Amino acid sequence: MIETTDQLLVELKKCEKWEKDQNGLWFWERIGRLPFKLLDKLTPVFLQKKIGVIIDELGQYIQSGGSYLSSVKSLKAYYPNKAVQTLDDLRSISLKEMDDTVGKLKVSRKRLATIQGASTGFGGIITLSIDIPLLLGIQLKTLQDIAICYGYDPNDKKERMYIVKVLQFVSSDIVGKQAILKQLSLIDSPDEDAKREVISELQGWREVVMTYRDQIGWKKLFQMIPIAGFVFGAFTNRAAVKDLAEAGMMFYRKRRILERLGENEQHTNV
């Protein structure tokens, strides 16, 4: 046993507390659609088509991973001082080591999002239309890498569905968060009907993307201003990746904790 049952239960309570803290919602997020109603009217047709192509690529992610699929081979880079080659090797890695590795990953991805947001924010409303799919790409890659660090394979379609659910969770209101929390808790259920229910309740990928886009609309409002958007783009993208990475870490570490609790119970019974 890497962690004792008592240690795992303490960590599980931390995850559950974080979930309860997610029920806060700023009332002005309801007006998040307004900036993008303006954006749709002002963005040139050729850019709208380009956005459509990029968004279409995200649809392939759920089915096959597309160009956004992370490789499990990156495990070796995440744990350079450990003999880690496969996901099974992570059974000998402590939860703290996993947390520390994901912590470093979060720092590097926030830095990347800051640079990306600053560069696309420089051009104001025109480059903002390109910023959204690029930010989504960073977030998808971040969630996959977090999954790998905790021993879950994004090559598995179930994991890609789970990742999209986490993305939905961060972009949802209070009612949506409560529903998604329930669905996320069923992903590892031995009940096949429960698993199918999670998949069947996943909205169309395009709706997921558009809801995400609209939800962060108000946060991107000031990024529409040329030059000044440099600062606002850097700040909002960094915050977006920070929130998403935190959610991914808490959900995946909870799954790993529950799995190890089950393993400890089996060892105790033996």
C-alpha atoms as a PDB file:
ATOM      1  CA  MET A   1       0.000   0.000   0.000  1.00  0.00           C
ATOM      2  CA  ILE A   2       1.451   3.372  -1.066  1.00  0.00           C
ATOM      3  CA  GLU A   3      -0.992   5.325   1.107  1.00  0.00           C
ATOM      4  CA  THR A   4      -2.952   3.974   4.030  1.00  0.00           C
ATOM      5  CA  THR A   5      -6.731   3.941   3.950  1.00  0.00           C
ATOM      6  CA  ASP A   6      -6.847   6.739   6.538  1.00  0.00           C
ATOM      7  CA  GLN A   7      -4.514   8.908   4.454  1.00  0.00           C
ATOM      8  CA  LEU A   8      -6.603   8.347   1.341  1.00  0.00           C
ATOM      9  CA  LEU A   9      -9.811   9.239   3.183  1.00  0.00           C
ATOM     10  CA  VAL A  10      -8.279  12.554   4.275  1.00  0.00           C
ATOM     11  CA  GLU A  11      -7.368  13.341   0.671  1.00  0.00           C
ATOM     12  CA  LEU A  12     -10.825  12.286  -0.493  1.00  0.00           C
ATOM     13  CA  LYS A  13     -12.424  14.800   1.882  1.00  0.00           C
ATOM     14  CA  LYS A  14     -10.274  17.542   0.324  1.00  0.00           C
ATOM     15  CA  CYS A  15     -11.637  16.647  -3.113  1.00  0.00           C
ATOM     16  CA  GLU A  16     -15.214  16.606  -1.861  1.00  0.00           C
ATOM     17  CA  LYS A  17     -14.760  20.001  -0.181  1.00  0.00           C
ATOM     18  CA  TRP A  18     -13.491  21.439  -3.451  1.00  0.00           C
ATOM     19  CA  GLU A  19     -16.574  20.121  -5.251  1.00  0.00           C
ATOM     20  CA  LYS A  20     -18.883  21.830  -2.764  1.00  0.00           C
ATOM     21  CA  ASP A  21     -16.982  25.093  -3.206  1.00  0.00           C
ATOM     22  CA  GLN A  22     -17.797  25.096  -6.922  1.00  0.00           C
ATOM     23  CA  ASN A  23     -21.412  26.119  -6.334  1.00  0.00           C
ATOM     24  CA  GLY A  24     -20.612  29.845  -6.477  1.00  0.00           C
ATOM     25  CA  LEU A  25     -21.742  31.702  -9.602  1.00  0.00           C
ATOM     26  CA  TRP A  26     -21.213  35.363 -10.473  1.00  0.00           C
ATOM     27  CA  PHE A  27     -24.539  36.761 -11.608  1.00  0.00           C
ATOM     28  CA  TRP A  28     -23.057  38.701 -14.521  1.00  0.00           C
ATOM     29  CA  GLU A  29     -21.901  35.500 -16.204  1.00  0.00           C
ATOM     30  CA  ARG A  30     -25.456  35.346 -17.527  1.00  0.00           C
ATOM     31  CA  ILE A  31     -24.650  38.192 -19.899  1.00  0.00           C
ATOM     32  CA  GLY A  32     -21.669  36.339 -21.265  1.00  0.00           C
ATOM     33  CA  ARG A  33     -23.345  35.827 -24.645  1.00  0.00           C
ATOM     34  CA  LEU A  34     -23.508  39.534 -25.451  1.00  0.00           C
ATOM     35  CA  PRO A  35     -19.892  40.106 -26.569  1.00  0.00           C
ATOM     36  CA  PHE A  36     -20.096  37.162 -28.936  1.00  0.00           C
ATOM     37  CA  LYS A  37     -23.365  38.290 -30.500  1.00  0.00           C
ATOM     38  CA  LEU A  38     -21.408  41.379 -31.487  1.00  0.00           C
ATOM     39  CA  LEU A  39     -18.444  39.279 -32.547  1.00  0.00           C
ATOM     40  CA  ASP A  40     -20.587  37.154 -34.887  1.00  0.00           C
ATOM     41  CA  LYS A  41     -21.836  40.290 -36.652  1.00  0.00           C
ATOM     42  CA  LEU A  42     -18.455  41.976 -37.068  1.00  0.00           C
ATOM     43  CA  THR A  43     -16.094  39.106 -37.808  1.00  0.00           C
ATOM     44  CA  PRO A  44     -15.266  38.772 -41.536  1.00  0.00           C
ATOM     45  CA  VAL A  45     -16.717  35.741 -43.316  1.00  0.00           C
ATOM     46  CA  PHE A  46     -13.298  34.224 -44.080  1.00  0.00           C
ATOM     47  CA  LEU A  47     -12.432  34.225 -40.368  1.00  0.00           C
ATOM     48  CA  GLN A  48     -15.795  32.704 -39.471  1.00  0.00           C
ATOM     49  CA  LYS A  49     -15.056  29.867 -41.892  1.00  0.00           C
ATOM     50  CA  LYS A  50     -11.597  29.395 -40.407  1.00  0.00           C
ATOM     51  CA  ILE A  51     -13.067  29.177 -36.913  1.00  0.00           C
ATOM     52  CA  GLY A  52     -15.561  26.633 -38.187  1.00  0.00           C
ATOM     53  CA  VAL A  53     -12.765  24.420 -39.519  1.00  0.00           C
ATOM     54  CA  ILE A  54     -10.900  24.537 -36.211  1.00  0.00           C
ATOM     55  CA  ILE A  55     -14.056  23.789 -34.235  1.00  0.00           C
ATOM     56  CA  ASP A  56     -14.861  20.877 -36.546  1.00  0.00           C
ATOM     57  CA  GLU A  57     -11.488  19.398 -35.636  1.00  0.00           C
ATOM     58  CA  LEU A  58     -12.555  19.382 -31.996  1.00  0.00           C
ATOM     59  CA  GLY A  59     -15.441  17.109 -32.945  1.00  0.00           C
ATOM     60  CA  GLN A  60     -12.917  14.509 -34.042  1.00  0.00           C
ATOM     61  CA  TYR A  61     -11.342  14.630 -30.591  1.00  0.00           C
ATOM     62  CA  ILE A  62     -14.215  12.735 -28.980  1.00  0.00           C
ATOM     63  CA  GLN A  63     -14.179  10.056 -31.649  1.00  0.00           C
ATOM     64  CA  SER A  64     -10.454   9.556 -32.204  1.00  0.00           C
ATOM     65  CA  GLY A  65      -8.522  12.249 -30.328  1.00  0.00           C
ATOM     66  CA  GLY A  66      -7.668  13.976 -33.596  1.00  0.00           C
ATOM     67  CA  SER A  67      -4.701  16.334 -33.533  1.00  0.00           C
ATOM     68  CA  TYR A  68      -5.284  17.055 -29.845  1.00  0.00           C
ATOM     69  CA  LEU A  69      -4.603  13.536 -28.559  1.00  0.00           C
ATOM     70  CA  SER A  70      -1.789  13.321 -26.016  1.00  0.00           C
ATOM     71  CA  SER A  71       0.525  10.321 -25.931  1.00  0.00           C
ATOM     72  CA  VAL A  72       1.124   8.092 -22.933  1.00  0.00           C
ATOM     73  CA  LYS A  73       4.787   8.139 -23.993  1.00  0.00           C
ATOM     74  CA  SER A  74       4.985  11.525 -22.273  1.00  0.00           C
ATOM     75  CA  LEU A  75       4.878   9.670 -18.937  1.00  0.00           C
ATOM     76  CA  LYS A  76       8.643   9.296 -18.982  1.00  0.00           C
ATOM     77  CA  ALA A  77       9.052  13.066 -19.287  1.00  0.00           C
ATOM     78  CA  TYR A  78       6.651  13.696 -16.408  1.00  0.00           C
ATOM     79  CA  TYR A  79       8.471  11.253 -14.103  1.00  0.00           C
ATOM     80  CA  PRO A  80      12.130  11.534 -15.220  1.00  0.00           C
ATOM     81  CA  ASN A  81      13.504  10.138 -11.948  1.00  0.00           C
ATOM     82  CA  LYS A  82      11.225   7.118 -11.903  1.00  0.00           C
ATOM     83  CA  ALA A  83      11.193   3.905 -13.893  1.00  0.00           C
ATOM     84  CA  VAL A  84       7.864   4.754 -15.465  1.00  0.00           C
ATOM     85  CA  GLN A  85       7.158   3.459 -18.959  1.00  0.00           C
ATOM     86  CA  THR A  86       3.489   2.468 -18.855  1.00  0.00           C
ATOM     87  CA  LEU A  87       0.380   3.486 -16.945  1.00  0.00           C
ATOM     88  CA  ASP A  88       0.638   0.279 -14.901  1.00  0.00           C
ATOM     89  CA  ASP A  89       4.001   1.502 -13.569  1.00  0.00           C
ATOM     90  CA  LEU A  90       2.157   4.349 -11.824  1.00  0.00           C
ATOM     91  CA  ARG A  91       0.855   1.867  -9.273  1.00  0.00           C
ATOM     92  CA  SER A  92       4.188   2.342  -7.479  1.00  0.00           C
ATOM     93  CA  ILE A  93       3.964   6.163  -7.571  1.00  0.00           C
ATOM     94  CA  SER A  94       2.547   7.893  -4.501  1.00  0.00           C
ATOM     95  CA  LEU A  95      -0.376  10.306  -4.723  1.00  0.00           C
ATOM     96  CA  LYS A  96       1.885  13.124  -3.524  1.00  0.00           C
ATOM     97  CA  GLU A  97       4.324  12.505  -6.374  1.00  0.00           C
ATOM     98  CA  MET A  98       1.423  12.574  -8.825  1.00  0.00           C
ATOM     99  CA  ASP A  99       0.163  15.840  -7.318  1.00  0.00           C
ATOM    100  CA  ASP A 100       3.626  17.412  -7.500  1.00  0.00           C
ATOM    101  CA  THR A 101       4.004  16.419 -11.149  1.00  0.00           C
ATOM    102  CA  VAL A 102       0.594  17.833 -12.068  1.00  0.00           C
ATOM    103  CA  GLY A 103       1.450  20.987 -10.127  1.00  0.00           C
ATOM    104  CA  LYS A 104       4.487  21.540 -12.366  1.00  0.00           C
ATOM    105  CA  LEU A 105       2.369  20.824 -15.441  1.00  0.00           C
ATOM    106  CA  LYS A 106      -0.187  23.437 -14.354  1.00  0.00           C
ATOM    107  CA  VAL A 107       2.525  26.083 -14.013  1.00  0.00           C
ATOM    108  CA  SER A 108       3.905  25.446 -17.502  1.00  0.00           C
ATOM    109  CA  ARG A 109       0.449  25.401 -19.132  1.00  0.00           C
ATOM    110  CA  LYS A 110      -0.575  28.639 -17.410  1.00  0.00           C
ATOM    111  CA  ARG A 111       2.582  30.230 -18.762  1.00  0.00           C
ATOM    112  CA  LEU A 112       1.777  28.959 -22.264  1.00  0.00           C
ATOM    113  CA  ALA A 113      -1.819  30.246 -22.037  1.00  0.00           C
ATOM    114  CA  THR A 114      -0.538  33.644 -20.902  1.00  0.00           C
ATOM    115  CA  ILE A 115       1.738  33.955 -23.925  1.00  0.00           C
ATOM    116  CA  GLN A 116      -0.982  32.736 -26.294  1.00  0.00           C
ATOM    117  CA  GLY A 117      -3.594  35.100 -24.855  1.00  0.00           C
ATOM    118  CA  ALA A 118      -1.248  38.054 -25.079  1.00  0.00           C
ATOM    119  CA  SER A 119      -0.346  37.358 -28.701  1.00  0.00           C
ATOM    120  CA  THR A 120      -3.940  36.886 -29.897  1.00  0.00           C
ATOM    121  CA  GLY A 121      -5.173  39.762 -27.724  1.00  0.00           C
ATOM    122  CA  PHE A 122      -2.876  42.236 -29.424  1.00  0.00           C
ATOM    123  CA  GLY A 123      -5.129  42.514 -32.482  1.00  0.00           C
ATOM    124  CA  GLY A 124      -8.386  43.107 -30.626  1.00  0.00           C
ATOM    125  CA  ILE A 125     -11.672  41.717 -31.959  1.00  0.00           C
ATOM    126  CA  ILE A 126     -10.190  40.141 -35.100  1.00  0.00           C
ATOM    127  CA  THR A 127      -7.609  37.961 -33.376  1.00  0.00           C
ATOM    128  CA  LEU A 128     -10.075  37.235 -30.548  1.00  0.00           C
ATOM    129  CA  SER A 129     -12.036  35.057 -32.967  1.00  0.00           C
ATOM    130  CA  ILE A 130      -8.929  32.890 -33.375  1.00  0.00           C
ATOM    131  CA  ASP A 131      -8.124  32.915 -29.665  1.00  0.00           C
ATOM    132  CA  ILE A 132     -11.091  30.776 -28.578  1.00  0.00           C
ATOM    133  CA  PRO A 133     -10.229  27.542 -30.468  1.00  0.00           C
ATOM    134  CA  LEU A 134      -6.549  27.938 -29.604  1.00  0.00           C
ATOM    135  CA  LEU A 135      -7.399  28.235 -25.922  1.00  0.00           C
ATOM    136  CA  LEU A 136      -9.649  25.178 -26.163  1.00  0.00           C
ATOM    137  CA  GLY A 137      -6.753  23.249 -27.660  1.00  0.00           C
ATOM    138  CA  ILE A 138      -4.459  24.141 -24.762  1.00  0.00           C
ATOM    139  CA  GLN A 139      -7.118  23.145 -22.268  1.00  0.00           C
ATOM    140  CA  LEU A 140      -7.831  19.803 -23.931  1.00  0.00           C
ATOM    141  CA  LYS A 141      -4.134  18.956 -24.005  1.00  0.00           C
ATOM    142  CA  THR A 142      -3.777  19.998 -20.371  1.00  0.00           C
ATOM    143  CA  LEU A 143      -6.646  17.782 -19.221  1.00  0.00           C
ATOM    144  CA  GLN A 144      -5.276  14.813 -21.145  1.00  0.00           C
ATOM    145  CA  ASP A 145      -1.815  15.232 -19.669  1.00  0.00           C
ATOM    146  CA  ILE A 146      -3.295  15.488 -16.183  1.00  0.00           C
ATOM    147  CA  ALA A 147      -5.181  12.264 -16.877  1.00  0.00           C
ATOM    148  CA  ILE A 148      -1.946  10.559 -17.941  1.00  0.00           C
ATOM    149  CA  CYS A 149      -0.121  11.770 -14.809  1.00  0.00           C
ATOM    150  CA  TYR A 150      -2.765  10.087 -12.652  1.00  0.00           C
ATOM    151  CA  GLY A 151      -2.683   6.899 -14.708  1.00  0.00           C
ATOM    152  CA  TYR A 152      -5.592   7.284 -17.135  1.00  0.00           C
ATOM    153  CA  ASP A 153      -5.259   6.853 -20.884  1.00  0.00           C
ATOM    154  CA  PRO A 154      -6.822   9.470 -23.230  1.00  0.00           C
ATOM    155  CA  ASN A 155      -6.569   6.880 -26.005  1.00  0.00           C
ATOM    156  CA  ASP A 156      -9.578   5.337 -24.269  1.00  0.00           C
ATOM    157  CA  LYS A 157     -12.741   6.958 -25.628  1.00  0.00           C
ATOM    158  CA  LYS A 158     -14.249   6.838 -22.142  1.00  0.00           C
ATOM    159  CA  GLU A 159     -11.481   9.136 -20.916  1.00  0.00           C
ATOM    160  CA  ARG A 160     -12.063  11.584 -23.759  1.00  0.00           C
ATOM    161  CA  MET A 161     -15.744  11.688 -22.833  1.00  0.00           C
ATOM    162  CA  TYR A 162     -14.733  12.300 -19.218  1.00  0.00           C
ATOM    163  CA  ILE A 163     -12.436  15.146 -20.269  1.00  0.00           C
ATOM    164  CA  VAL A 164     -15.232  16.835 -22.222  1.00  0.00           C
ATOM    165  CA  LYS A 165     -17.446  16.472 -19.153  1.00  0.00           C
ATOM    166  CA  VAL A 166     -14.808  18.255 -17.056  1.00  0.00           C
ATOM    167  CA  LEU A 167     -14.678  20.991 -19.678  1.00  0.00           C
ATOM    168  CA  GLN A 168     -18.469  21.265 -19.482  1.00  0.00           C
ATOM    169  CA  PHE A 169     -18.312  21.400 -15.702  1.00  0.00           C
ATOM    170  CA  VAL A 170     -16.021  24.417 -15.658  1.00  0.00           C
ATOM    171  CA  SER A 171     -18.236  26.214 -18.187  1.00  0.00           C
ATOM    172  CA  SER A 172     -21.578  25.426 -16.505  1.00  0.00           C
ATOM    173  CA  ASP A 173     -23.807  27.274 -14.063  1.00  0.00           C
ATOM    174  CA  ILE A 174     -24.751  25.911 -10.637  1.00  0.00           C
ATOM    175  CA  VAL A 175     -27.505  23.603 -11.904  1.00  0.00           C
ATOM    176  CA  GLY A 176     -25.268  22.300 -14.664  1.00  0.00           C
ATOM    177  CA  LYS A 177     -22.373  21.670 -12.274  1.00  0.00           C
ATOM    178  CA  GLN A 178     -24.570  19.575  -9.979  1.00  0.00           C
ATOM    179  CA  ALA A 179     -25.786  17.422 -12.860  1.00  0.00           C
ATOM    180  CA  ILE A 180     -22.283  16.942 -14.266  1.00  0.00           C
ATOM    181  CA  LEU A 181     -20.857  16.049 -10.845  1.00  0.00           C
ATOM    182  CA  LYS A 182     -23.348  13.186 -10.699  1.00  0.00           C
ATOM    183  CA  GLN A 183     -22.403  12.040 -14.193  1.00  0.00           C
ATOM    184  CA  LEU A 184     -18.680  12.207 -13.467  1.00  0.00           C
ATOM    185  CA  SER A 185     -19.157  10.019 -10.403  1.00  0.00           C
ATOM    186  CA  LEU A 186     -20.646   7.270 -12.606  1.00  0.00           C
ATOM    187  CA  ILE A 187     -17.810   7.059 -15.133  1.00  0.00           C
ATOM    188  CA  ASP A 188     -16.059   4.218 -13.276  1.00  0.00           C
ATOM    189  CA  SER A 189     -19.256   2.508 -12.177  1.00  0.00           C
ATOM    190  CA  PRO A 190     -19.328  -1.283 -12.687  1.00  0.00           C
ATOM    191  CA  ASP A 191     -22.873  -0.757 -13.935  1.00  0.00           C
ATOM    192  CA  GLU A 192     -22.634  -0.619 -17.736  1.00  0.00           C
ATOM    193  CA  ASP A 193     -26.045   1.059 -17.961  1.00  0.00           C
ATOM    194  CA  ALA A 194     -24.761   3.898 -15.767  1.00  0.00           C
ATOM    195  CA  LYS A 195     -21.757   4.376 -18.033  1.00  0.00           C
ATOM    196  CA  ARG A 196     -23.963   4.456 -21.100  1.00  0.00           C
ATOM    197  CA  GLU A 197     -26.145   7.050 -19.388  1.00  0.00           C
ATOM    198  CA  VAL A 198     -23.142   9.344 -18.974  1.00  0.00           C
ATOM    199  CA  ILE A 199     -22.266   9.029 -22.649  1.00  0.00           C
ATOM    200  CA  SER A 200     -25.849   9.458 -23.857  1.00  0.00           C
ATOM    201  CA  GLU A 201     -26.272  12.649 -21.835  1.00  0.00           C
ATOM    202  CA  LEU A 202     -23.235  14.254 -23.413  1.00  0.00           C
ATOM    203  CA  GLN A 203     -24.491  17.090 -25.573  1.00  0.00           C
ATOM    204  CA  GLY A 204     -23.288  17.434 -29.140  1.00  0.00           C
ATOM    205  CA  TRP A 205     -19.648  18.504 -29.244  1.00  0.00           C
ATOM    206  CA  ARG A 206     -20.501  21.660 -31.189  1.00  0.00           C
ATOM    207  CA  GLU A 207     -22.954  22.698 -28.472  1.00  0.00           C
ATOM    208  CA  VAL A 208     -20.292  22.066 -25.854  1.00  0.00           C
ATOM    209  CA  VAL A 209     -17.859  24.330 -27.689  1.00  0.00           C
ATOM    210  CA  MET A 210     -20.403  27.080 -28.318  1.00  0.00           C
ATOM    211  CA  THR A 211     -21.589  27.028 -24.699  1.00  0.00           C
ATOM    212  CA  TYR A 212     -17.983  27.286 -23.575  1.00  0.00           C
ATOM    213  CA  ARG A 213     -17.393  30.186 -25.945  1.00  0.00           C
ATOM    214  CA  ASP A 214     -20.452  32.079 -24.749  1.00  0.00           C
ATOM    215  CA  GLN A 215     -19.731  31.442 -21.078  1.00  0.00           C
ATOM    216  CA  ILE A 216     -16.360  33.155 -21.211  1.00  0.00           C
ATOM    217  CA  GLY A 217     -17.703  35.991 -23.388  1.00  0.00           C
ATOM    218  CA  TRP A 218     -17.809  38.668 -20.712  1.00  0.00           C
ATOM    219  CA  LYS A 219     -14.309  37.754 -19.593  1.00  0.00           C
ATOM    220  CA  LYS A 220     -13.064  38.451 -23.110  1.00  0.00           C
ATOM    221  CA  LEU A 221     -14.970  41.739 -23.499  1.00  0.00           C
ATOM    222  CA  PHE A 222     -11.954  44.007 -22.948  1.00  0.00           C
ATOM    223  CA  GLN A 223      -9.779  41.820 -25.137  1.00  0.00           C
ATOM    224  CA  MET A 224     -11.688  43.267 -28.100  1.00  0.00           C
ATOM    225  CA  ILE A 225      -9.740  46.514 -27.707  1.00  0.00           C
ATOM    226  CA  PRO A 226      -6.609  46.510 -29.937  1.00  0.00           C
ATOM    227  CA  ILE A 227      -3.282  46.743 -28.079  1.00  0.00           C
ATOM    228  CA  ALA A 228      -5.038  46.772 -24.664  1.00  0.00           C
ATOM    229  CA  GLY A 229      -6.243  43.272 -25.496  1.00  0.00           C
ATOM    230  CA  PHE A 230      -2.618  42.185 -25.020  1.00  0.00           C
ATOM    231  CA  VAL A 231      -3.000  42.538 -21.254  1.00  0.00           C
ATOM    232  CA  PHE A 232      -6.570  41.283 -20.971  1.00  0.00           C
ATOM    233  CA  GLY A 233      -5.898  38.323 -23.261  1.00  0.00           C
ATOM    234  CA  ALA A 234      -2.929  37.215 -21.199  1.00  0.00           C
ATOM    235  CA  PHE A 235      -4.890  37.524 -17.941  1.00  0.00           C
ATOM    236  CA  THR A 236      -8.106  35.802 -19.055  1.00  0.00           C
ATOM    237  CA  ASN A 237      -6.380  32.897 -20.781  1.00  0.00           C
ATOM    238  CA  ARG A 238      -4.125  32.299 -17.802  1.00  0.00           C
ATOM    239  CA  ALA A 239      -7.158  32.284 -15.494  1.00  0.00           C
ATOM    240  CA  ALA A 240      -9.107  29.976 -17.816  1.00  0.00           C
ATOM    241  CA  VAL A 241      -6.324  27.385 -17.917  1.00  0.00           C
ATOM    242  CA  LYS A 242      -5.777  27.714 -14.173  1.00  0.00           C
ATOM    243  CA  ASP A 243      -9.453  26.968 -13.414  1.00  0.00           C
ATOM    244  CA  LEU A 244      -9.620  24.095 -15.878  1.00  0.00           C
ATOM    245  CA  ALA A 245      -6.356  22.541 -14.667  1.00  0.00           C
ATOM    246  CA  GLU A 246      -7.500  22.771 -11.052  1.00  0.00           C
ATOM    247  CA  ALA A 247     -10.758  21.019 -11.900  1.00  0.00           C
ATOM    248  CA  GLY A 248      -8.966  18.332 -13.891  1.00  0.00           C
ATOM    249  CA  MET A 249      -6.519  17.710 -11.058  1.00  0.00           C
ATOM    250  CA  MET A 250      -9.232  17.435  -8.409  1.00  0.00           C
ATOM    251  CA  PHE A 251     -11.439  15.099 -10.452  1.00  0.00           C
ATOM    252  CA  TYR A 252      -8.629  12.807 -11.537  1.00  0.00           C
ATOM    253  CA  ARG A 253      -6.959  12.633  -8.134  1.00  0.00           C
ATOM    254  CA  LYS A 254     -10.361  11.752  -6.643  1.00  0.00           C
ATOM    255  CA  ARG A 255     -10.689   8.863  -9.085  1.00  0.00           C
ATOM    256  CA  ARG A 256      -7.197   7.675  -8.223  1.00  0.00           C
ATOM    257  CA  ILE A 257      -7.957   7.935  -4.482  1.00  0.00           C
ATOM    258  CA  LEU A 258     -11.186   5.938  -4.833  1.00  0.00           C
ATOM    259  CA  GLU A 259      -9.408   3.302  -6.893  1.00  0.00           C
ATOM    260  CA  ARG A 260      -6.663   2.917  -4.297  1.00  0.00           C
ATOM    261  CA  LEU A 261      -9.195   2.759  -1.492  1.00  0.00           C
ATOM    262  CA  GLY A 262     -10.776  -0.146  -3.337  1.00  0.00           C
ATOM    263  CA  GLU A 263      -7.383  -1.825  -3.741  1.00  0.00           C
ATOM    264  CA  ASN A 264      -6.600  -1.354  -0.033  1.00  0.00           C
ATOM    265  CA  GLU A 265      -9.923  -2.895   0.874  1.00  0.00           C
ATOM    266  CA  GLN A 266      -9.192  -5.904  -1.307  1.00  0.00           C
ATOM    267  CA  HIS A 267      -5.757  -6.340   0.326  1.00  0.00           C
ATOM    268  CA  THR A 268      -7.354  -6.099   3.777  1.00  0.00           C
ATOM    269  CA  ASN A 269      -9.941  -8.744   2.922  1.00  0.00           C
ATOM    270  CA  VAL A 270      -7.238 -11.055   1.589  1.00  0.00           C
END
